[in-house]
Amino acid sequence: MIVSNFSEDLPKQGLTAATYAERTAKEKALDVARSLAPKLADLIIGADTVVECEGHILEKPENDDDARRMLNMLSGKEHLVHTGVALVVPRHGTGESGLQAVTFSETTQVVFGNLSLEQIDAYIATKEPFGKAGAYGIQGPAAAFVKRVEGCYFNVVGLPLYSLTMQIRTVMGGNE
């Protein structure tokens, strides 16, 4: 795995949360592709996950207070988890330096139960909220906050595996 150096600071104005995640994923994948040039891999996958609650895009928390703000916002509410994915492949005569980028997104609805301040503070103390969109990882202790998931669970973890597999087949010329 190669980590992108893209700063993940695209402007959000005028974009849906899903489109924002797709564009960020594309920039991450293109950054990695440029860093590998001229020895480009056959396929580069970039992904970015954001949480949307009440029209706000929640990315990774900056500190304890930011994580607390996000978890309080999610407490007792439905929210959407959007993962944008970009597949970058080398194609002669296309795009930037012969790179073709195909993007898509997946959205999953998650409903949290009501969280007490004690639950939120205990979770923040684990340091698990950091580096995770919306300040939680569904695959860890925060699973206890989740009342319901509608859609792809793996999307909430950070990569919609079924959709990714279908898109790779299409981009790489395979059959569905």
N, C-alpha and C. Protein backbone atom coordinates (compact mmCIF):
# COMPACT_ATOMS: atom_id res chain seq x y z
N MET A 1 0.84 -1.17 0.00
CA MET A 1 0.00 0.00 0.00
C MET A 1 0.88 1.24 0.00
N ILE A 2 0.53 2.20 -0.82
CA ILE A 2 1.23 3.48 -0.89
C ILE A 2 0.24 4.55 -0.43
N VAL A 3 0.64 5.32 0.56
CA VAL A 3 -0.23 6.37 1.09
C VAL A 3 -0.04 7.64 0.27
N SER A 4 -1.14 8.24 -0.09
CA SER A 4 -1.12 9.49 -0.85
C SER A 4 -0.67 10.65 0.03
N ASN A 5 -0.03 11.62 -0.58
CA ASN A 5 0.35 12.84 0.12
C ASN A 5 -0.66 13.96 -0.12
N PHE A 6 -1.76 13.65 -0.80
CA PHE A 6 -2.77 14.67 -1.07
C PHE A 6 -3.33 15.17 0.25
N SER A 7 -3.49 16.47 0.37
CA SER A 7 -3.85 17.08 1.66
C SER A 7 -5.33 16.96 2.03
N GLU A 8 -6.16 16.43 1.18
CA GLU A 8 -7.58 16.22 1.47
C GLU A 8 -8.26 17.51 1.90
N ASP A 9 -8.04 18.57 1.15
CA ASP A 9 -8.60 19.86 1.52
C ASP A 9 -9.36 20.53 0.38
N LEU A 10 -10.01 19.74 -0.44
CA LEU A 10 -10.80 20.30 -1.53
C LEU A 10 -11.93 21.16 -0.96
N PRO A 11 -12.32 22.21 -1.68
CA PRO A 11 -13.47 22.99 -1.23
C PRO A 11 -14.74 22.15 -1.30
N LYS A 12 -15.60 22.30 -0.29
CA LYS A 12 -16.83 21.51 -0.22
C LYS A 12 -18.03 22.25 -0.81
N GLN A 13 -17.92 23.56 -0.97
CA GLN A 13 -19.05 24.36 -1.42
C GLN A 13 -19.57 23.87 -2.77
N GLY A 14 -20.88 23.71 -2.84
CA GLY A 14 -21.52 23.32 -4.09
C GLY A 14 -21.41 21.85 -4.42
N LEU A 15 -20.80 21.05 -3.56
CA LEU A 15 -20.65 19.62 -3.82
C LEU A 15 -21.51 18.81 -2.86
N THR A 16 -22.06 17.72 -3.35
CA THR A 16 -22.68 16.77 -2.43
C THR A 16 -21.56 16.07 -1.67
N ALA A 17 -21.89 15.47 -0.56
CA ALA A 17 -20.88 14.74 0.22
C ALA A 17 -20.29 13.60 -0.59
N ALA A 18 -21.13 12.91 -1.37
CA ALA A 18 -20.64 11.79 -2.19
C ALA A 18 -19.67 12.29 -3.27
N THR A 19 -20.01 13.40 -3.92
CA THR A 19 -19.13 13.96 -4.95
C THR A 19 -17.82 14.42 -4.33
N TYR A 20 -17.89 15.03 -3.17
CA TYR A 20 -16.68 15.46 -2.45
C TYR A 20 -15.77 14.26 -2.19
N ALA A 21 -16.35 13.16 -1.72
CA ALA A 21 -15.57 11.95 -1.44
C ALA A 21 -14.96 11.38 -2.72
N GLU A 22 -15.73 11.39 -3.82
CA GLU A 22 -15.21 10.90 -5.11
C GLU A 22 -14.03 11.73 -5.59
N ARG A 23 -14.18 13.05 -5.53
CA ARG A 23 -13.10 13.92 -6.00
C ARG A 23 -11.85 13.77 -5.15
N THR A 24 -12.03 13.64 -3.84
CA THR A 24 -10.87 13.44 -2.97
C THR A 24 -10.20 12.10 -3.28
N ALA A 25 -10.99 11.06 -3.48
CA ALA A 25 -10.43 9.74 -3.83
C ALA A 25 -9.64 9.83 -5.13
N LYS A 26 -10.17 10.56 -6.11
CA LYS A 26 -9.49 10.70 -7.40
C LYS A 26 -8.15 11.43 -7.22
N GLU A 27 -8.14 12.49 -6.46
CA GLU A 27 -6.89 13.23 -6.24
C GLU A 27 -5.86 12.37 -5.51
N LYS A 28 -6.31 11.57 -4.56
CA LYS A 28 -5.40 10.67 -3.84
C LYS A 28 -4.79 9.64 -4.81
N ALA A 29 -5.64 9.04 -5.64
CA ALA A 29 -5.16 8.02 -6.58
C ALA A 29 -4.22 8.62 -7.61
N LEU A 30 -4.56 9.80 -8.13
CA LEU A 30 -3.68 10.45 -9.11
C LEU A 30 -2.35 10.85 -8.49
N ASP A 31 -2.37 11.27 -7.22
CA ASP A 31 -1.13 11.61 -6.52
C ASP A 31 -0.21 10.39 -6.44
N VAL A 32 -0.77 9.25 -6.11
CA VAL A 32 0.03 8.02 -6.04
C VAL A 32 0.52 7.64 -7.43
N ALA A 33 -0.34 7.75 -8.45
CA ALA A 33 0.06 7.42 -9.82
C ALA A 33 1.23 8.29 -10.27
N ARG A 34 1.16 9.58 -9.97
CA ARG A 34 2.26 10.50 -10.34
C ARG A 34 3.54 10.12 -9.62
N SER A 35 3.43 9.70 -8.38
CA SER A 35 4.63 9.35 -7.60
C SER A 35 5.29 8.07 -8.12
N LEU A 36 4.52 7.22 -8.78
CA LEU A 36 5.06 5.96 -9.33
C LEU A 36 5.63 6.12 -10.73
N ALA A 37 5.20 7.16 -11.45
CA ALA A 37 5.62 7.35 -12.85
C ALA A 37 7.14 7.35 -12.94
N PRO A 38 7.72 6.76 -13.96
CA PRO A 38 7.07 6.16 -15.13
C PRO A 38 6.70 4.70 -14.94
N LYS A 39 6.96 4.10 -13.80
CA LYS A 39 6.63 2.69 -13.57
C LYS A 39 5.25 2.57 -12.96
N LEU A 40 4.24 2.85 -13.76
CA LEU A 40 2.87 2.85 -13.28
C LEU A 40 2.36 1.42 -13.10
N ALA A 41 1.63 1.23 -12.02
CA ALA A 41 0.98 -0.05 -11.77
C ALA A 41 -0.17 -0.25 -12.75
N ASP A 42 -0.66 -1.46 -12.87
CA ASP A 42 -1.80 -1.75 -13.74
C ASP A 42 -3.08 -1.10 -13.24
N LEU A 43 -3.19 -0.94 -11.93
CA LEU A 43 -4.40 -0.37 -11.33
C LEU A 43 -4.03 0.28 -10.01
N ILE A 44 -4.51 1.49 -9.81
CA ILE A 44 -4.35 2.18 -8.53
C ILE A 44 -5.76 2.47 -8.02
N ILE A 45 -5.99 2.13 -6.75
CA ILE A 45 -7.29 2.36 -6.14
C ILE A 45 -7.13 3.42 -5.07
N GLY A 46 -7.92 4.48 -5.18
CA GLY A 46 -7.96 5.52 -4.16
C GLY A 46 -9.35 5.54 -3.55
N ALA A 47 -9.44 5.82 -2.26
CA ALA A 47 -10.74 5.88 -1.61
C ALA A 47 -10.75 6.97 -0.56
N ASP A 48 -11.92 7.52 -0.33
CA ASP A 48 -12.11 8.50 0.73
C ASP A 48 -13.52 8.33 1.27
N THR A 49 -13.64 8.32 2.59
CA THR A 49 -14.93 8.15 3.24
C THR A 49 -15.25 9.39 4.05
N VAL A 50 -16.48 9.85 3.93
CA VAL A 50 -16.98 10.96 4.76
C VAL A 50 -18.33 10.56 5.33
N VAL A 51 -18.67 11.21 6.43
CA VAL A 51 -19.97 11.01 7.07
C VAL A 51 -20.77 12.29 6.86
N GLU A 52 -22.04 12.13 6.54
CA GLU A 52 -22.91 13.29 6.37
C GLU A 52 -24.05 13.22 7.38
N CYS A 53 -24.17 14.26 8.19
CA CYS A 53 -25.22 14.32 9.19
C CYS A 53 -25.82 15.72 9.17
N GLU A 54 -27.12 15.77 8.97
CA GLU A 54 -27.84 17.05 8.95
C GLU A 54 -27.19 18.06 8.00
N GLY A 55 -26.74 17.58 6.85
CA GLY A 55 -26.16 18.45 5.84
C GLY A 55 -24.70 18.82 6.07
N HIS A 56 -24.10 18.32 7.15
CA HIS A 56 -22.70 18.61 7.44
C HIS A 56 -21.83 17.44 7.02
N ILE A 57 -20.71 17.74 6.37
CA ILE A 57 -19.74 16.71 6.01
C ILE A 57 -18.75 16.58 7.16
N LEU A 58 -18.69 15.38 7.72
CA LEU A 58 -17.78 15.10 8.83
C LEU A 58 -16.62 14.26 8.31
N GLU A 59 -15.43 14.79 8.46
CA GLU A 59 -14.24 14.05 8.05
C GLU A 59 -13.58 13.49 9.31
N LYS A 60 -12.27 13.45 9.35
CA LYS A 60 -11.56 12.94 10.51
C LYS A 60 -11.46 14.04 11.57
N PRO A 61 -11.69 13.70 12.84
CA PRO A 61 -11.62 14.73 13.88
C PRO A 61 -10.18 15.21 14.08
N GLU A 62 -10.07 16.49 14.39
CA GLU A 62 -8.75 17.10 14.61
C GLU A 62 -8.24 16.91 16.03
N ASN A 63 -9.15 16.79 16.99
CA ASN A 63 -8.75 16.67 18.40
C ASN A 63 -9.93 16.10 19.19
N ASP A 64 -9.76 15.96 20.51
CA ASP A 64 -10.82 15.41 21.36
C ASP A 64 -12.12 16.20 21.25
N ASP A 65 -12.03 17.52 21.28
CA ASP A 65 -13.24 18.35 21.21
C ASP A 65 -13.97 18.16 19.89
N ASP A 66 -13.22 18.06 18.81
CA ASP A 66 -13.83 17.85 17.50
C ASP A 66 -14.50 16.48 17.45
N ALA A 67 -13.86 15.45 18.00
CA ALA A 67 -14.46 14.11 18.05
C ALA A 67 -15.72 14.14 18.89
N ARG A 68 -15.69 14.82 20.01
CA ARG A 68 -16.86 14.93 20.89
C ARG A 68 -18.02 15.63 20.15
N ARG A 69 -17.70 16.70 19.43
CA ARG A 69 -18.71 17.42 18.66
C ARG A 69 -19.37 16.49 17.64
N MET A 70 -18.56 15.73 16.92
CA MET A 70 -19.10 14.82 15.89
C MET A 70 -19.96 13.73 16.51
N LEU A 71 -19.47 13.10 17.56
CA LEU A 71 -20.22 12.01 18.18
C LEU A 71 -21.52 12.51 18.81
N ASN A 72 -21.51 13.70 19.39
CA ASN A 72 -22.74 14.31 19.90
C ASN A 72 -23.72 14.56 18.76
N MET A 73 -23.20 15.00 17.61
CA MET A 73 -24.07 15.26 16.45
C MET A 73 -24.70 13.96 15.95
N LEU A 74 -23.96 12.86 16.00
CA LEU A 74 -24.46 11.57 15.50
C LEU A 74 -25.38 10.86 16.49
N SER A 75 -25.29 11.20 17.77
CA SER A 75 -26.05 10.53 18.82
C SER A 75 -27.55 10.56 18.55
N GLY A 76 -28.14 9.38 18.50
CA GLY A 76 -29.58 9.26 18.33
C GLY A 76 -30.09 9.59 16.94
N LYS A 77 -29.18 9.68 15.99
CA LYS A 77 -29.60 10.14 14.65
C LYS A 77 -29.18 9.18 13.55
N GLU A 78 -29.88 9.37 12.42
CA GLU A 78 -29.51 8.71 11.17
C GLU A 78 -28.46 9.58 10.49
N HIS A 79 -27.49 8.93 9.89
CA HIS A 79 -26.51 9.65 9.08
C HIS A 79 -26.13 8.79 7.88
N LEU A 80 -25.46 9.42 6.93
CA LEU A 80 -25.04 8.72 5.72
C LEU A 80 -23.52 8.62 5.70
N VAL A 81 -23.04 7.48 5.27
CA VAL A 81 -21.61 7.27 5.08
C VAL A 81 -21.39 7.13 3.58
N HIS A 82 -20.58 8.03 3.03
CA HIS A 82 -20.28 8.03 1.60
C HIS A 82 -18.82 7.67 1.42
N THR A 83 -18.55 6.68 0.59
CA THR A 83 -17.18 6.37 0.21
C THR A 83 -17.04 6.62 -1.28
N GLY A 84 -16.11 7.50 -1.61
CA GLY A 84 -15.77 7.75 -3.00
C GLY A 84 -14.59 6.87 -3.35
N VAL A 85 -14.61 6.28 -4.52
CA VAL A 85 -13.54 5.40 -4.97
C VAL A 85 -13.10 5.85 -6.36
N ALA A 86 -11.80 5.84 -6.58
CA ALA A 86 -11.24 6.14 -7.89
C ALA A 86 -10.36 4.99 -8.33
N LEU A 87 -10.55 4.56 -9.56
CA LEU A 87 -9.70 3.53 -10.17
C LEU A 87 -8.90 4.24 -11.25
N VAL A 88 -7.59 4.21 -11.12
CA VAL A 88 -6.70 4.86 -12.09
C VAL A 88 -5.93 3.77 -12.82
N VAL A 89 -6.02 3.81 -14.14
CA VAL A 89 -5.31 2.84 -14.97
C VAL A 89 -4.56 3.60 -16.06
N PRO A 90 -3.42 3.06 -16.50
CA PRO A 90 -2.70 3.69 -17.61
C PRO A 90 -3.42 3.41 -18.92
N ARG A 91 -3.66 4.44 -19.70
CA ARG A 91 -4.28 4.30 -21.02
C ARG A 91 -3.60 5.30 -21.93
N HIS A 92 -2.99 4.83 -22.96
CA HIS A 92 -2.32 5.72 -23.89
C HIS A 92 -3.33 6.63 -24.55
N GLY A 93 -3.00 7.91 -24.59
CA GLY A 93 -3.83 8.89 -25.27
C GLY A 93 -5.02 9.37 -24.47
N THR A 94 -5.04 9.11 -23.14
CA THR A 94 -6.15 9.59 -22.33
C THR A 94 -5.63 10.39 -21.15
N GLY A 95 -6.39 11.39 -20.79
CA GLY A 95 -6.16 12.13 -19.55
C GLY A 95 -4.75 12.59 -19.30
N GLU A 96 -4.51 12.91 -18.06
CA GLU A 96 -3.23 13.43 -17.60
C GLU A 96 -2.15 12.36 -17.72
N SER A 97 -1.19 12.59 -18.57
CA SER A 97 -0.06 11.67 -18.76
C SER A 97 -0.50 10.25 -19.05
N GLY A 98 -1.58 10.09 -19.81
CA GLY A 98 -2.02 8.75 -20.17
C GLY A 98 -2.73 8.01 -19.05
N LEU A 99 -3.30 8.72 -18.08
CA LEU A 99 -4.01 8.07 -16.98
C LEU A 99 -5.51 8.22 -17.18
N GLN A 100 -6.22 7.14 -16.96
CA GLN A 100 -7.67 7.18 -16.99
C GLN A 100 -8.16 6.97 -15.57
N ALA A 101 -9.02 7.87 -15.10
CA ALA A 101 -9.59 7.74 -13.76
C ALA A 101 -11.10 7.53 -13.86
N VAL A 102 -11.56 6.47 -13.25
CA VAL A 102 -12.98 6.17 -13.17
C VAL A 102 -13.37 6.30 -11.70
N THR A 103 -14.42 7.10 -11.43
CA THR A 103 -14.83 7.27 -10.04
C THR A 103 -16.27 6.81 -9.84
N PHE A 104 -16.55 6.41 -8.62
CA PHE A 104 -17.92 6.07 -8.22
C PHE A 104 -18.00 6.24 -6.70
N SER A 105 -19.22 6.21 -6.20
CA SER A 105 -19.38 6.29 -4.75
C SER A 105 -20.47 5.33 -4.30
N GLU A 106 -20.42 5.00 -3.05
CA GLU A 106 -21.41 4.13 -2.41
C GLU A 106 -21.88 4.88 -1.16
N THR A 107 -23.17 4.77 -0.87
CA THR A 107 -23.72 5.42 0.31
C THR A 107 -24.45 4.40 1.16
N THR A 108 -24.20 4.45 2.46
CA THR A 108 -24.83 3.55 3.43
C THR A 108 -25.46 4.40 4.52
N GLN A 109 -26.65 4.03 4.93
CA GLN A 109 -27.34 4.72 6.02
C GLN A 109 -27.02 4.01 7.33
N VAL A 110 -26.66 4.79 8.34
CA VAL A 110 -26.36 4.25 9.67
C VAL A 110 -27.20 5.03 10.68
N VAL A 111 -27.75 4.32 11.66
CA VAL A 111 -28.50 4.97 12.73
C VAL A 111 -27.82 4.63 14.05
N PHE A 112 -27.49 5.68 14.80
CA PHE A 112 -26.90 5.53 16.12
C PHE A 112 -27.99 5.59 17.18
N GLY A 113 -27.79 4.85 18.27
CA GLY A 113 -28.61 5.03 19.45
C GLY A 113 -28.18 6.30 20.16
N ASN A 114 -28.90 6.63 21.22
CA ASN A 114 -28.52 7.79 22.02
C ASN A 114 -27.26 7.48 22.81
N LEU A 115 -26.29 8.38 22.75
CA LEU A 115 -25.03 8.19 23.45
C LEU A 115 -24.95 9.13 24.64
N SER A 116 -24.51 8.60 25.76
CA SER A 116 -24.30 9.45 26.93
C SER A 116 -22.94 10.14 26.80
N LEU A 117 -22.77 11.22 27.54
CA LEU A 117 -21.48 11.90 27.55
C LEU A 117 -20.38 10.97 28.05
N GLU A 118 -20.73 10.09 28.98
CA GLU A 118 -19.75 9.13 29.51
C GLU A 118 -19.31 8.14 28.43
N GLN A 119 -20.27 7.67 27.63
CA GLN A 119 -19.92 6.76 26.53
C GLN A 119 -19.00 7.45 25.52
N ILE A 120 -19.34 8.67 25.18
CA ILE A 120 -18.55 9.42 24.21
C ILE A 120 -17.15 9.65 24.74
N ASP A 121 -17.03 10.10 25.98
CA ASP A 121 -15.70 10.37 26.55
C ASP A 121 -14.88 9.09 26.68
N ALA A 122 -15.52 7.99 27.07
CA ALA A 122 -14.80 6.72 27.17
C ALA A 122 -14.29 6.28 25.80
N TYR A 123 -15.10 6.47 24.77
CA TYR A 123 -14.68 6.10 23.42
C TYR A 123 -13.54 6.98 22.94
N ILE A 124 -13.63 8.26 23.19
CA ILE A 124 -12.55 9.17 22.80
C ILE A 124 -11.26 8.81 23.51
N ALA A 125 -11.35 8.38 24.76
CA ALA A 125 -10.16 8.00 25.53
C ALA A 125 -9.42 6.82 24.90
N THR A 126 -10.11 6.01 24.10
CA THR A 126 -9.45 4.88 23.43
C THR A 126 -8.57 5.35 22.27
N LYS A 127 -8.77 6.59 21.84
CA LYS A 127 -8.08 7.20 20.68
C LYS A 127 -8.53 6.60 19.36
N GLU A 128 -9.52 5.71 19.38
CA GLU A 128 -10.01 5.10 18.15
C GLU A 128 -10.69 6.09 17.19
N PRO A 129 -11.32 7.16 17.69
CA PRO A 129 -12.00 8.06 16.75
C PRO A 129 -11.06 8.77 15.77
N PHE A 130 -9.78 8.81 16.06
CA PHE A 130 -8.87 9.61 15.25
C PHE A 130 -8.45 8.85 14.00
N GLY A 131 -8.46 9.58 12.90
CA GLY A 131 -8.16 8.97 11.61
C GLY A 131 -9.38 8.32 10.97
N LYS A 132 -10.57 8.56 11.55
CA LYS A 132 -11.79 7.95 11.03
C LYS A 132 -12.85 9.02 10.76
N ALA A 133 -13.44 8.95 9.61
CA ALA A 133 -14.50 9.89 9.24
C ALA A 133 -15.65 9.79 10.25
N GLY A 134 -16.15 10.94 10.68
CA GLY A 134 -17.25 10.95 11.63
C GLY A 134 -16.84 10.56 13.03
N ALA A 135 -15.55 10.37 13.26
CA ALA A 135 -14.99 10.06 14.58
C ALA A 135 -15.36 8.68 15.10
N TYR A 136 -15.66 7.73 14.18
CA TYR A 136 -15.92 6.38 14.67
C TYR A 136 -15.54 5.34 13.64
N GLY A 137 -15.24 4.15 14.14
CA GLY A 137 -14.99 2.98 13.30
C GLY A 137 -16.03 1.93 13.67
N ILE A 138 -16.88 1.58 12.73
CA ILE A 138 -17.97 0.63 13.00
C ILE A 138 -17.43 -0.76 13.32
N GLN A 139 -16.21 -1.05 12.90
CA GLN A 139 -15.62 -2.37 13.10
C GLN A 139 -14.98 -2.55 14.47
N GLY A 140 -15.03 -1.51 15.31
CA GLY A 140 -14.44 -1.57 16.65
C GLY A 140 -15.50 -1.37 17.72
N PRO A 141 -15.09 -0.82 18.87
CA PRO A 141 -16.04 -0.62 19.98
C PRO A 141 -17.25 0.24 19.62
N ALA A 142 -17.13 1.12 18.63
CA ALA A 142 -18.27 1.96 18.24
C ALA A 142 -19.40 1.15 17.62
N ALA A 143 -19.17 -0.12 17.31
CA ALA A 143 -20.24 -0.98 16.82
C ALA A 143 -21.40 -1.00 17.82
N ALA A 144 -21.10 -0.82 19.10
CA ALA A 144 -22.13 -0.81 20.13
C ALA A 144 -23.03 0.42 20.05
N PHE A 145 -22.65 1.44 19.29
CA PHE A 145 -23.47 2.64 19.12
C PHE A 145 -24.52 2.47 18.03
N VAL A 146 -24.35 1.46 17.18
CA VAL A 146 -25.12 1.34 15.94
C VAL A 146 -26.42 0.56 16.16
N LYS A 147 -27.55 1.22 15.92
CA LYS A 147 -28.86 0.56 15.99
C LYS A 147 -29.18 -0.16 14.69
N ARG A 148 -28.79 0.46 13.57
CA ARG A 148 -29.19 -0.12 12.28
C ARG A 148 -28.24 0.34 11.18
N VAL A 149 -28.01 -0.55 10.22
CA VAL A 149 -27.24 -0.23 9.02
C VAL A 149 -28.09 -0.64 7.83
N GLU A 150 -28.27 0.27 6.88
CA GLU A 150 -28.98 -0.05 5.65
C GLU A 150 -28.03 0.21 4.50
N GLY A 151 -27.63 -0.86 3.83
CA GLY A 151 -26.66 -0.76 2.75
C GLY A 151 -25.42 -1.57 3.07
N CYS A 152 -24.36 -1.25 2.39
CA CYS A 152 -23.12 -2.02 2.49
C CYS A 152 -22.34 -1.72 3.77
N TYR A 153 -22.23 -2.72 4.63
CA TYR A 153 -21.45 -2.58 5.86
C TYR A 153 -20.00 -2.24 5.54
N PHE A 154 -19.43 -2.89 4.54
CA PHE A 154 -18.02 -2.66 4.21
C PHE A 154 -17.76 -1.24 3.74
N ASN A 155 -18.79 -0.59 3.20
CA ASN A 155 -18.67 0.81 2.83
C ASN A 155 -18.41 1.66 4.07
N VAL A 156 -19.06 1.34 5.17
CA VAL A 156 -18.87 2.08 6.41
C VAL A 156 -17.47 1.84 6.96
N VAL A 157 -16.96 0.63 6.79
CA VAL A 157 -15.60 0.32 7.19
C VAL A 157 -14.61 1.14 6.35
N GLY A 158 -14.98 1.42 5.09
CA GLY A 158 -14.15 2.29 4.27
C GLY A 158 -13.93 1.88 2.84
N LEU A 159 -14.45 0.72 2.43
CA LEU A 159 -14.29 0.30 1.04
C LEU A 159 -15.45 -0.60 0.64
N PRO A 160 -16.31 -0.15 -0.26
CA PRO A 160 -17.46 -0.95 -0.68
C PRO A 160 -17.02 -2.10 -1.58
N LEU A 161 -16.77 -3.24 -1.00
CA LEU A 161 -16.11 -4.34 -1.69
C LEU A 161 -16.87 -4.86 -2.92
N TYR A 162 -18.17 -5.04 -2.80
CA TYR A 162 -18.92 -5.57 -3.95
C TYR A 162 -18.86 -4.58 -5.12
N SER A 163 -19.17 -3.33 -4.86
CA SER A 163 -19.14 -2.32 -5.93
C SER A 163 -17.74 -2.18 -6.51
N LEU A 164 -16.75 -2.23 -5.65
CA LEU A 164 -15.36 -2.13 -6.12
C LEU A 164 -15.03 -3.28 -7.07
N THR A 165 -15.42 -4.48 -6.69
CA THR A 165 -15.14 -5.65 -7.53
C THR A 165 -15.81 -5.51 -8.90
N MET A 166 -17.07 -5.06 -8.91
CA MET A 166 -17.79 -4.90 -10.18
C MET A 166 -17.13 -3.81 -11.05
N GLN A 167 -16.70 -2.72 -10.43
CA GLN A 167 -16.06 -1.64 -11.19
C GLN A 167 -14.70 -2.08 -11.73
N ILE A 168 -13.94 -2.82 -10.95
CA ILE A 168 -12.64 -3.31 -11.43
C ILE A 168 -12.83 -4.20 -12.65
N ARG A 169 -13.82 -5.08 -12.59
CA ARG A 169 -14.10 -5.95 -13.73
C ARG A 169 -14.38 -5.14 -14.99
N THR A 170 -15.17 -4.08 -14.83
CA THR A 170 -15.51 -3.23 -15.97
C THR A 170 -14.29 -2.50 -16.50
N VAL A 171 -13.55 -1.86 -15.61
CA VAL A 171 -12.39 -1.04 -16.00
C VAL A 171 -11.28 -1.90 -16.60
N MET A 172 -11.09 -3.08 -16.07
CA MET A 172 -10.00 -3.94 -16.54
C MET A 172 -10.42 -4.83 -17.70
N GLY A 173 -11.68 -4.70 -18.12
CA GLY A 173 -12.13 -5.43 -19.31
C GLY A 173 -12.65 -6.82 -19.05
N GLY A 174 -12.98 -7.14 -17.80
CA GLY A 174 -13.52 -8.47 -17.48
C GLY A 174 -15.01 -8.52 -17.64
N ASN A 175 -15.56 -9.67 -17.43
CA ASN A 175 -17.01 -9.85 -17.51
C ASN A 175 -17.60 -9.75 -16.11
N GLU A 176 -18.86 -9.32 -16.06
CA GLU A 176 -19.52 -9.20 -14.76
C GLU A 176 -20.11 -10.50 -14.34
